[in-house]
Amino acid sequence: MIRRGQPITFRGLAQTADVSLDFRYRCTGLRRRVEQLRPQQRSRPPQPAAQPPDDSPSSVVRTLAAQLAELKRRNRDEVQALRQALEAAHHR
């Protein structure tokens, strides 16, 4: 959240980490860290959003999605070829 320039809040952290707000409040170490970072963030001017690095989650998701699409395409092609071969074998 700091690197992205997002406001540091309990709700935002819970949403980013995909955990319940209740869980977030019960983690005392994280609670202290949020409470420590909030005043620091208020005193700094907002930073412009930087471009995510190549290993950012969105980049990783895009890469994996492209790989998955390619594997699905290959699978469809292979299944089609096998069906055609099976049909040809049955008609002999």
PDB file of N, CA and C in Angstrom:
ATOM      1  N   MET A   1       0.833  -1.180   0.000  1.00  0.00           N
ATOM      2  CA  MET A   1       0.000   0.000   0.000  1.00  0.00           C
ATOM      3  C   MET A   1       0.883   1.251   0.000  1.00  0.00           C
ATOM      4  N   ILE A   2       1.991   1.179   0.708  1.00  0.00           N
ATOM      5  CA  ILE A   2       2.906   2.324   0.744  1.00  0.00           C
ATOM      6  C   ILE A   2       3.492   2.559  -0.641  1.00  0.00           C
ATOM      7  N   ARG A   3       3.978   1.481  -1.282  1.00  0.00           N
ATOM      8  CA  ARG A   3       4.581   1.615  -2.608  1.00  0.00           C
ATOM      9  C   ARG A   3       3.584   2.137  -3.636  1.00  0.00           C
ATOM     10  N   ARG A   4       2.327   1.783  -3.489  1.00  0.00           N
ATOM     11  CA  ARG A   4       1.303   2.216  -4.439  1.00  0.00           C
ATOM     12  C   ARG A   4       0.769   3.603  -4.111  1.00  0.00           C
ATOM     13  N   GLY A   5       1.159   4.144  -2.976  1.00  0.00           N
ATOM     14  CA  GLY A   5       0.677   5.461  -2.569  1.00  0.00           C
ATOM     15  C   GLY A   5      -0.760   5.435  -2.076  1.00  0.00           C
ATOM     16  N   GLN A   6      -1.231   4.258  -1.653  1.00  0.00           N
ATOM     17  CA  GLN A   6      -2.600   4.137  -1.161  1.00  0.00           C
ATOM     18  C   GLN A   6      -2.657   4.543   0.304  1.00  0.00           C
ATOM     19  N   PRO A   7      -3.775   5.108   0.747  1.00  0.00           N
ATOM     20  CA  PRO A   7      -3.911   5.460   2.159  1.00  0.00           C
ATOM     21  C   PRO A   7      -3.878   4.195   3.021  1.00  0.00           C
ATOM     22  N   ILE A   8      -3.200   4.285   4.123  1.00  0.00           N
ATOM     23  CA  ILE A   8      -3.068   3.134   5.011  1.00  0.00           C
ATOM     24  C   ILE A   8      -4.196   3.179   6.029  1.00  0.00           C
ATOM     25  N   THR A   9      -5.128   2.276   5.857  1.00  0.00           N
ATOM     26  CA  THR A   9      -6.265   2.163   6.765  1.00  0.00           C
ATOM     27  C   THR A   9      -6.474   0.692   7.086  1.00  0.00           C
ATOM     28  N   PHE A  10      -7.173   0.429   8.201  1.00  0.00           N
ATOM     29  CA  PHE A  10      -7.472  -0.958   8.565  1.00  0.00           C
ATOM     30  C   PHE A  10      -8.338  -1.610   7.487  1.00  0.00           C
ATOM     31  N   ARG A  11      -9.317  -0.897   7.018  1.00  0.00           N
ATOM     32  CA  ARG A  11     -10.231  -1.440   6.003  1.00  0.00           C
ATOM     33  C   ARG A  11      -9.481  -1.701   4.693  1.00  0.00           C
ATOM     34  N   GLY A  12      -8.651  -0.750   4.280  1.00  0.00           N
ATOM     35  CA  GLY A  12      -7.882  -0.922   3.046  1.00  0.00           C
ATOM     36  C   GLY A  12      -6.906  -2.082   3.148  1.00  0.00           C
ATOM     37  N   LEU A  13      -6.261  -2.224   4.292  1.00  0.00           N
ATOM     38  CA  LEU A  13      -5.322  -3.323   4.493  1.00  0.00           C
ATOM     39  C   LEU A  13      -6.052  -4.659   4.483  1.00  0.00           C
ATOM     40  N   ALA A  14      -7.201  -4.728   5.133  1.00  0.00           N
ATOM     41  CA  ALA A  14      -7.984  -5.969   5.144  1.00  0.00           C
ATOM     42  C   ALA A  14      -8.401  -6.339   3.731  1.00  0.00           C
ATOM     43  N   GLN A  15      -8.812  -5.357   2.938  1.00  0.00           N
ATOM     44  CA  GLN A  15      -9.240  -5.621   1.565  1.00  0.00           C
ATOM     45  C   GLN A  15      -8.049  -6.046   0.706  1.00  0.00           C
ATOM     46  N   THR A  16      -6.925  -5.365   0.843  1.00  0.00           N
ATOM     47  CA  THR A  16      -5.740  -5.695   0.063  1.00  0.00           C
ATOM     48  C   THR A  16      -5.230  -7.090   0.397  1.00  0.00           C
ATOM     49  N   ALA A  17      -5.250  -7.443   1.688  1.00  0.00           N
ATOM     50  CA  ALA A  17      -4.764  -8.748   2.127  1.00  0.00           C
ATOM     51  C   ALA A  17      -5.825  -9.826   2.010  1.00  0.00           C
ATOM     52  N   ASP A  18      -7.043  -9.451   1.648  1.00  0.00           N
ATOM     53  CA  ASP A  18      -8.166 -10.385   1.508  1.00  0.00           C
ATOM     54  C   ASP A  18      -8.417 -11.146   2.811  1.00  0.00           C
ATOM     55  N   VAL A  19      -8.475 -10.379   3.902  1.00  0.00           N
ATOM     56  CA  VAL A  19      -8.823 -10.943   5.212  1.00  0.00           C
ATOM     57  C   VAL A  19      -9.952 -10.105   5.799  1.00  0.00           C
ATOM     58  N   SER A  20     -10.596 -10.656   6.820  1.00  0.00           N
ATOM     59  CA  SER A  20     -11.695  -9.918   7.438  1.00  0.00           C
ATOM     60  C   SER A  20     -11.150  -8.747   8.251  1.00  0.00           C
ATOM     61  N   LEU A  21     -11.975  -7.751   8.406  1.00  0.00           N
ATOM     62  CA  LEU A  21     -11.600  -6.592   9.207  1.00  0.00           C
ATOM     63  C   LEU A  21     -11.364  -7.006  10.653  1.00  0.00           C
ATOM     64  N   ASP A  22     -12.175  -7.927  11.147  1.00  0.00           N
ATOM     65  CA  ASP A  22     -12.024  -8.434  12.502  1.00  0.00           C
ATOM     66  C   ASP A  22     -10.652  -9.087  12.686  1.00  0.00           C
ATOM     67  N   PHE A  23     -10.249  -9.908  11.710  1.00  0.00           N
ATOM     68  CA  PHE A  23      -8.939 -10.559  11.763  1.00  0.00           C
ATOM     69  C   PHE A  23      -7.837  -9.508  11.812  1.00  0.00           C
ATOM     70  N   ARG A  24      -7.972  -8.468  11.002  1.00  0.00           N
ATOM     71  CA  ARG A  24      -6.985  -7.403  10.931  1.00  0.00           C
ATOM     72  C   ARG A  24      -6.813  -6.714  12.286  1.00  0.00           C
ATOM     73  N   TYR A  25      -7.931  -6.432  12.948  1.00  0.00           N
ATOM     74  CA  TYR A  25      -7.855  -5.750  14.241  1.00  0.00           C
ATOM     75  C   TYR A  25      -7.244  -6.640  15.323  1.00  0.00           C
ATOM     76  N   ARG A  26      -7.411  -7.947  15.214  1.00  0.00           N
ATOM     77  CA  ARG A  26      -6.890  -8.851  16.243  1.00  0.00           C
ATOM     78  C   ARG A  26      -5.380  -9.049  16.161  1.00  0.00           C
ATOM     79  N   CYS A  27      -4.768  -8.768  15.024  1.00  0.00           N
ATOM     80  CA  CYS A  27      -3.310  -8.908  14.869  1.00  0.00           C
ATOM     81  C   CYS A  27      -2.648  -7.657  15.440  1.00  0.00           C
ATOM     82  N   THR A  28      -2.200  -7.752  16.684  1.00  0.00           N
ATOM     83  CA  THR A  28      -1.695  -6.560  17.372  1.00  0.00           C
ATOM     84  C   THR A  28      -0.458  -5.963  16.716  1.00  0.00           C
ATOM     85  N   GLY A  29       0.438  -6.794  16.173  1.00  0.00           N
ATOM     86  CA  GLY A  29       1.637  -6.269  15.515  1.00  0.00           C
ATOM     87  C   GLY A  29       1.283  -5.443  14.290  1.00  0.00           C
ATOM     88  N   LEU A  30       0.376  -5.943  13.487  1.00  0.00           N
ATOM     89  CA  LEU A  30      -0.049  -5.201  12.304  1.00  0.00           C
ATOM     90  C   LEU A  30      -0.838  -3.960  12.697  1.00  0.00           C
ATOM     91  N   ARG A  31      -1.623  -4.098  13.742  1.00  0.00           N
ATOM     92  CA  ARG A  31      -2.407  -2.946  14.213  1.00  0.00           C
ATOM     93  C   ARG A  31      -1.467  -1.804  14.612  1.00  0.00           C
ATOM     94  N   ARG A  32      -0.415  -2.142  15.366  1.00  0.00           N
ATOM     95  CA  ARG A  32       0.550  -1.118  15.776  1.00  0.00           C
ATOM     96  C   ARG A  32       1.225  -0.486  14.557  1.00  0.00           C
ATOM     97  N   ARG A  33       1.540  -1.321  13.570  1.00  0.00           N
ATOM     98  CA  ARG A  33       2.215  -0.808  12.368  1.00  0.00           C
ATOM     99  C   ARG A  33       1.306   0.164  11.603  1.00  0.00           C
ATOM    100  N   VAL A  34       0.045  -0.177  11.454  1.00  0.00           N
ATOM    101  CA  VAL A  34      -0.897   0.721  10.775  1.00  0.00           C
ATOM    102  C   VAL A  34      -1.002   2.026  11.550  1.00  0.00           C
ATOM    103  N   GLU A  35      -1.121   1.921  12.861  1.00  0.00           N
ATOM    104  CA  GLU A  35      -1.238   3.124  13.691  1.00  0.00           C
ATOM    105  C   GLU A  35       0.023   3.976  13.610  1.00  0.00           C
ATOM    106  N   GLN A  36       1.173   3.332  13.408  1.00  0.00           N
ATOM    107  CA  GLN A  36       2.440   4.054  13.281  1.00  0.00           C
ATOM    108  C   GLN A  36       2.537   4.732  11.908  1.00  0.00           C
ATOM    109  N   LEU A  37       2.068   4.073  10.862  1.00  0.00           N
ATOM    110  CA  LEU A  37       2.223   4.598   9.508  1.00  0.00           C
ATOM    111  C   LEU A  37       1.222   5.688   9.155  1.00  0.00           C
ATOM    112  N   ARG A  38       0.033   5.631   9.740  1.00  0.00           N
ATOM    113  CA  ARG A  38      -0.999   6.624   9.375  1.00  0.00           C
ATOM    114  C   ARG A  38      -0.544   8.064   9.577  1.00  0.00           C
ATOM    115  N   PRO A  39      -0.009   8.424  10.748  1.00  0.00           N
ATOM    116  CA  PRO A  39       0.420   9.831  10.917  1.00  0.00           C
ATOM    117  C   PRO A  39       1.558  10.217   9.965  1.00  0.00           C
ATOM    118  N   GLN A  40       2.462   9.271   9.689  1.00  0.00           N
ATOM    119  CA  GLN A  40       3.559   9.559   8.765  1.00  0.00           C
ATOM    120  C   GLN A  40       3.017   9.840   7.371  1.00  0.00           C
ATOM    121  N   GLN A  41       2.014   9.093   6.982  1.00  0.00           N
ATOM    122  CA  GLN A  41       1.440   9.269   5.652  1.00  0.00           C
ATOM    123  C   GLN A  41       0.720  10.606   5.547  1.00  0.00           C
ATOM    124  N   ARG A  42       0.062  11.018   6.607  1.00  0.00           N
ATOM    125  CA  ARG A  42      -0.648  12.308   6.583  1.00  0.00           C
ATOM    126  C   ARG A  42       0.313  13.473   6.435  1.00  0.00           C
ATOM    127  N   SER A  43       1.530  13.337   7.000  1.00  0.00           N
ATOM    128  CA  SER A  43       2.481  14.438   6.966  1.00  0.00           C
ATOM    129  C   SER A  43       3.196  14.545   5.622  1.00  0.00           C
ATOM    130  N   ARG A  44       3.188  13.481   4.813  1.00  0.00           N
ATOM    131  CA  ARG A  44       3.832  13.512   3.505  1.00  0.00           C
ATOM    132  C   ARG A  44       2.832  13.901   2.431  1.00  0.00           C
ATOM    133  N   PRO A  45       3.288  14.648   1.435  1.00  0.00           N
ATOM    134  CA  PRO A  45       2.382  14.945   0.316  1.00  0.00           C
ATOM    135  C   PRO A  45       2.127  13.661  -0.475  1.00  0.00           C
ATOM    136  N   PRO A  46       0.954  13.546  -1.073  1.00  0.00           N
ATOM    137  CA  PRO A  46       0.665  12.332  -1.838  1.00  0.00           C
ATOM    138  C   PRO A  46       1.632  12.180  -3.000  1.00  0.00           C
ATOM    139  N   GLN A  47       2.076  10.947  -3.211  1.00  0.00           N
ATOM    140  CA  GLN A  47       3.012  10.667  -4.287  1.00  0.00           C
ATOM    141  C   GLN A  47       2.239  10.196  -5.512  1.00  0.00           C
ATOM    142  N   PRO A  48       2.706  10.589  -6.687  1.00  0.00           N
ATOM    143  CA  PRO A  48       2.030  10.104  -7.889  1.00  0.00           C
ATOM    144  C   PRO A  48       2.192   8.598  -7.992  1.00  0.00           C
ATOM    145  N   ALA A  49       1.188   7.945  -8.542  1.00  0.00           N
ATOM    146  CA  ALA A  49       1.227   6.490  -8.678  1.00  0.00           C
ATOM    147  C   ALA A  49       2.329   6.121  -9.656  1.00  0.00           C
ATOM    148  N   ALA A  50       3.214   5.270  -9.198  1.00  0.00           N
ATOM    149  CA  ALA A  50       4.318   4.823 -10.038  1.00  0.00           C
ATOM    150  C   ALA A  50       3.863   3.637 -10.882  1.00  0.00           C
ATOM    151  N   GLN A  51       4.560   3.437 -11.972  1.00  0.00           N
ATOM    152  CA  GLN A  51       4.255   2.280 -12.794  1.00  0.00           C
ATOM    153  C   GLN A  51       4.650   1.032 -12.018  1.00  0.00           C
ATOM    154  N   PRO A  52       3.809  -0.003 -12.023  1.00  0.00           N
ATOM    155  CA  PRO A  52       4.162  -1.213 -11.286  1.00  0.00           C
ATOM    156  C   PRO A  52       5.378  -1.886 -11.915  1.00  0.00           C
ATOM    157  N   PRO A  53       6.242  -2.477 -11.086  1.00  0.00           N
ATOM    158  CA  PRO A  53       7.393  -3.181 -11.645  1.00  0.00           C
ATOM    159  C   PRO A  53       6.920  -4.410 -12.415  1.00  0.00           C
ATOM    160  N   ASP A  54       7.839  -4.969 -13.203  1.00  0.00           N
ATOM    161  CA  ASP A  54       7.476  -6.116 -14.033  1.00  0.00           C
ATOM    162  C   ASP A  54       7.008  -7.311 -13.226  1.00  0.00           C
ATOM    163  N   ASP A  55       7.420  -7.399 -11.956  1.00  0.00           N
ATOM    164  CA  ASP A  55       7.002  -8.539 -11.136  1.00  0.00           C
ATOM    165  C   ASP A  55       5.788  -8.195 -10.265  1.00  0.00           C
ATOM    166  N   SER A  56       5.064  -7.145 -10.645  1.00  0.00           N
ATOM    167  CA  SER A  56       3.869  -6.775  -9.883  1.00  0.00           C
ATOM    168  C   SER A  56       2.809  -7.844 -10.051  1.00  0.00           C
ATOM    169  N   PRO A  57       1.873  -7.926  -9.095  1.00  0.00           N
ATOM    170  CA  PRO A  57       0.828  -8.951  -9.207  1.00  0.00           C
ATOM    171  C   PRO A  57       0.060  -8.886 -10.521  1.00  0.00           C
ATOM    172  N   SER A  58      -0.244  -7.684 -11.016  1.00  0.00           N
ATOM    173  CA  SER A  58      -1.005  -7.593 -12.261  1.00  0.00           C
ATOM    174  C   SER A  58      -0.194  -8.129 -13.441  1.00  0.00           C
ATOM    175  N   SER A  59       1.109  -7.901 -13.441  1.00  0.00           N
ATOM    176  CA  SER A  59       1.959  -8.410 -14.505  1.00  0.00           C
ATOM    177  C   SER A  59       2.036  -9.930 -14.442  1.00  0.00           C
ATOM    178  N   VAL A  60       2.158 -10.461 -13.249  1.00  0.00           N
ATOM    179  CA  VAL A  60       2.214 -11.910 -13.070  1.00  0.00           C
ATOM    180  C   VAL A  60       0.900 -12.544 -13.518  1.00  0.00           C
ATOM    181  N   VAL A  61      -0.208 -11.925 -13.162  1.00  0.00           N
ATOM    182  CA  VAL A  61      -1.526 -12.444 -13.552  1.00  0.00           C
ATOM    183  C   VAL A  61      -1.662 -12.440 -15.067  1.00  0.00           C
ATOM    184  N   ARG A  62      -1.252 -11.351 -15.704  1.00  0.00           N
ATOM    185  CA  ARG A  62      -1.328 -11.281 -17.175  1.00  0.00           C
ATOM    186  C   ARG A  62      -0.483 -12.379 -17.818  1.00  0.00           C
ATOM    187  N   THR A  63       0.725 -12.579 -17.305  1.00  0.00           N
ATOM    188  CA  THR A  63       1.610 -13.606 -17.854  1.00  0.00           C
ATOM    189  C   THR A  63       1.002 -14.989 -17.694  1.00  0.00           C
ATOM    190  N   LEU A  64       0.502 -15.282 -16.491  1.00  0.00           N
ATOM    191  CA  LEU A  64      -0.108 -16.595 -16.258  1.00  0.00           C
ATOM    192  C   LEU A  64      -1.369 -16.787 -17.087  1.00  0.00           C
ATOM    193  N   ALA A  65      -2.152 -15.738 -17.245  1.00  0.00           N
ATOM    194  CA  ALA A  65      -3.369 -15.835 -18.058  1.00  0.00           C
ATOM    195  C   ALA A  65      -3.009 -16.130 -19.514  1.00  0.00           C
ATOM    196  N   ALA A  66      -1.962 -15.502 -20.027  1.00  0.00           N
ATOM    197  CA  ALA A  66      -1.532 -15.753 -21.402  1.00  0.00           C
ATOM    198  C   ALA A  66      -1.041 -17.193 -21.555  1.00  0.00           C
ATOM    199  N   GLN A  67      -0.291 -17.674 -20.563  1.00  0.00           N
ATOM    200  CA  GLN A  67       0.184 -19.056 -20.608  1.00  0.00           C
ATOM    201  C   GLN A  67      -0.987 -20.033 -20.561  1.00  0.00           C
ATOM    202  N   LEU A  68      -1.958 -19.751 -19.725  1.00  0.00           N
ATOM    203  CA  LEU A  68      -3.134 -20.611 -19.612  1.00  0.00           C
ATOM    204  C   LEU A  68      -3.911 -20.630 -20.922  1.00  0.00           C
ATOM    205  N   ALA A  69      -4.078 -19.476 -21.540  1.00  0.00           N
ATOM    206  CA  ALA A  69      -4.794 -19.407 -22.814  1.00  0.00           C
ATOM    207  C   ALA A  69      -4.069 -20.232 -23.875  1.00  0.00           C
ATOM    208  N   GLU A  70      -2.755 -20.153 -23.908  1.00  0.00           N
ATOM    209  CA  GLU A  70      -1.970 -20.933 -24.871  1.00  0.00           C
ATOM    210  C   GLU A  70      -2.120 -22.432 -24.606  1.00  0.00           C
ATOM    211  N   LEU A  71      -2.067 -22.845 -23.358  1.00  0.00           N
ATOM    212  CA  LEU A  71      -2.237 -24.264 -23.023  1.00  0.00           C
ATOM    213  C   LEU A  71      -3.630 -24.764 -23.395  1.00  0.00           C
ATOM    214  N   LYS A  72      -4.637 -23.932 -23.157  1.00  0.00           N
ATOM    215  CA  LYS A  72      -6.004 -24.316 -23.536  1.00  0.00           C
ATOM    216  C   LYS A  72      -6.117 -24.477 -25.049  1.00  0.00           C
ATOM    217  N   ARG A  73      -5.506 -23.560 -25.797  1.00  0.00           N
ATOM    218  CA  ARG A  73      -5.544 -23.644 -27.256  1.00  0.00           C
ATOM    219  C   ARG A  73      -4.875 -24.930 -27.735  1.00  0.00           C
ATOM    220  N   ARG A  74      -3.696 -25.241 -27.181  1.00  0.00           N
ATOM    221  CA  ARG A  74      -2.990 -26.479 -27.550  1.00  0.00           C
ATOM    222  C   ARG A  74      -3.832 -27.701 -27.209  1.00  0.00           C
ATOM    223  N   ASN A  75      -4.457 -27.678 -26.046  1.00  0.00           N
ATOM    224  CA  ASN A  75      -5.292 -28.795 -25.613  1.00  0.00           C
ATOM    225  C   ASN A  75      -6.458 -28.999 -26.576  1.00  0.00           C
ATOM    226  N   ARG A  76      -7.133 -27.908 -26.944  1.00  0.00           N
ATOM    227  CA  ARG A  76      -8.247 -28.007 -27.895  1.00  0.00           C
ATOM    228  C   ARG A  76      -7.776 -28.595 -29.224  1.00  0.00           C
ATOM    229  N   ASP A  77      -6.627 -28.114 -29.720  1.00  0.00           N
ATOM    230  CA  ASP A  77      -6.090 -28.620 -30.986  1.00  0.00           C
ATOM    231  C   ASP A  77      -5.772 -30.121 -30.882  1.00  0.00           C
ATOM    232  N   GLU A  78      -5.169 -30.520 -29.777  1.00  0.00           N
ATOM    233  CA  GLU A  78      -4.824 -31.931 -29.594  1.00  0.00           C
ATOM    234  C   GLU A  78      -6.071 -32.805 -29.486  1.00  0.00           C
ATOM    235  N   VAL A  79      -7.073 -32.352 -28.750  1.00  0.00           N
ATOM    236  CA  VAL A  79      -8.314 -33.109 -28.610  1.00  0.00           C
ATOM    237  C   VAL A  79      -8.987 -33.245 -29.977  1.00  0.00           C
ATOM    238  N   GLN A  80      -9.003 -32.181 -30.745  1.00  0.00           N
ATOM    239  CA  GLN A  80      -9.606 -32.228 -32.073  1.00  0.00           C
ATOM    240  C   GLN A  80      -8.865 -33.233 -32.962  1.00  0.00           C
ATOM    241  N   ALA A  81      -7.535 -33.214 -32.934  1.00  0.00           N
ATOM    242  CA  ALA A  81      -6.752 -34.151 -33.739  1.00  0.00           C
ATOM    243  C   ALA A  81      -7.012 -35.592 -33.312  1.00  0.00           C
ATOM    244  N   LEU A  82      -7.101 -35.823 -32.009  1.00  0.00           N
ATOM    245  CA  LEU A  82      -7.371 -37.177 -31.513  1.00  0.00           C
ATOM    246  C   LEU A  82      -8.767 -37.651 -31.910  1.00  0.00           C
ATOM    247  N   ARG A  83      -9.750 -36.755 -31.869  1.00  0.00           N
ATOM    248  CA  ARG A  83     -11.108 -37.131 -32.285  1.00  0.00           C
ATOM    249  C   ARG A  83     -11.145 -37.491 -33.765  1.00  0.00           C
ATOM    250  N   GLN A  84     -10.432 -36.706 -34.567  1.00  0.00           N
ATOM    251  CA  GLN A  84     -10.388 -37.000 -35.997  1.00  0.00           C
ATOM    252  C   GLN A  84      -9.720 -38.347 -36.252  1.00  0.00           C
ATOM    253  N   ALA A  85      -8.649 -38.621 -35.536  1.00  0.00           N
ATOM    254  CA  ALA A  85      -7.948 -39.905 -35.685  1.00  0.00           C
ATOM    255  C   ALA A  85      -8.841 -41.055 -35.241  1.00  0.00           C
ATOM    256  N   LEU A  86      -9.590 -40.860 -34.176  1.00  0.00           N
ATOM    257  CA  LEU A  86     -10.498 -41.903 -33.686  1.00  0.00           C
ATOM    258  C   LEU A  86     -11.607 -42.154 -34.698  1.00  0.00           C
ATOM    259  N   GLU A  87     -12.148 -41.096 -35.254  1.00  0.00           N
ATOM    260  CA  GLU A  87     -13.196 -41.236 -36.272  1.00  0.00           C
ATOM    261  C   GLU A  87     -12.660 -41.994 -37.480  1.00  0.00           C
ATOM    262  N   ALA A  88     -11.478 -41.636 -37.924  1.00  0.00           N
ATOM    263  CA  ALA A  88     -10.871 -42.306 -39.084  1.00  0.00           C
ATOM    264  C   ALA A  88     -10.632 -43.783 -38.791  1.00  0.00           C
ATOM    265  N   ALA A  89     -10.197 -44.092 -37.564  1.00  0.00           N
ATOM    266  CA  ALA A  89      -9.943 -45.494 -37.192  1.00  0.00           C
ATOM    267  C   ALA A  89     -11.233 -46.300 -37.147  1.00  0.00           C
ATOM    268  N   HIS A  90     -12.333 -45.729 -36.733  1.00  0.00           N
ATOM    269  CA  HIS A  90     -13.617 -46.421 -36.651  1.00  0.00           C
ATOM    270  C   HIS A  90     -14.233 -46.653 -38.032  1.00  0.00           C
ATOM    271  N   HIS A  91     -13.914 -45.839 -39.010  1.00  0.00           N
ATOM    272  CA  HIS A  91     -14.505 -45.937 -40.341  1.00  0.00           C
ATOM    273  C   HIS A  91     -13.699 -46.833 -41.268  1.00  0.00           C
ATOM    274  N   ARG A  92     -12.639 -47.432 -40.815  1.00  0.00           N
ATOM    275  CA  ARG A  92     -11.806 -48.316 -41.682  1.00  0.00           C
ATOM    276  C   ARG A  92     -12.383 -49.664 -41.769  1.00  0.00           C
TER     277      ARG A  92
END
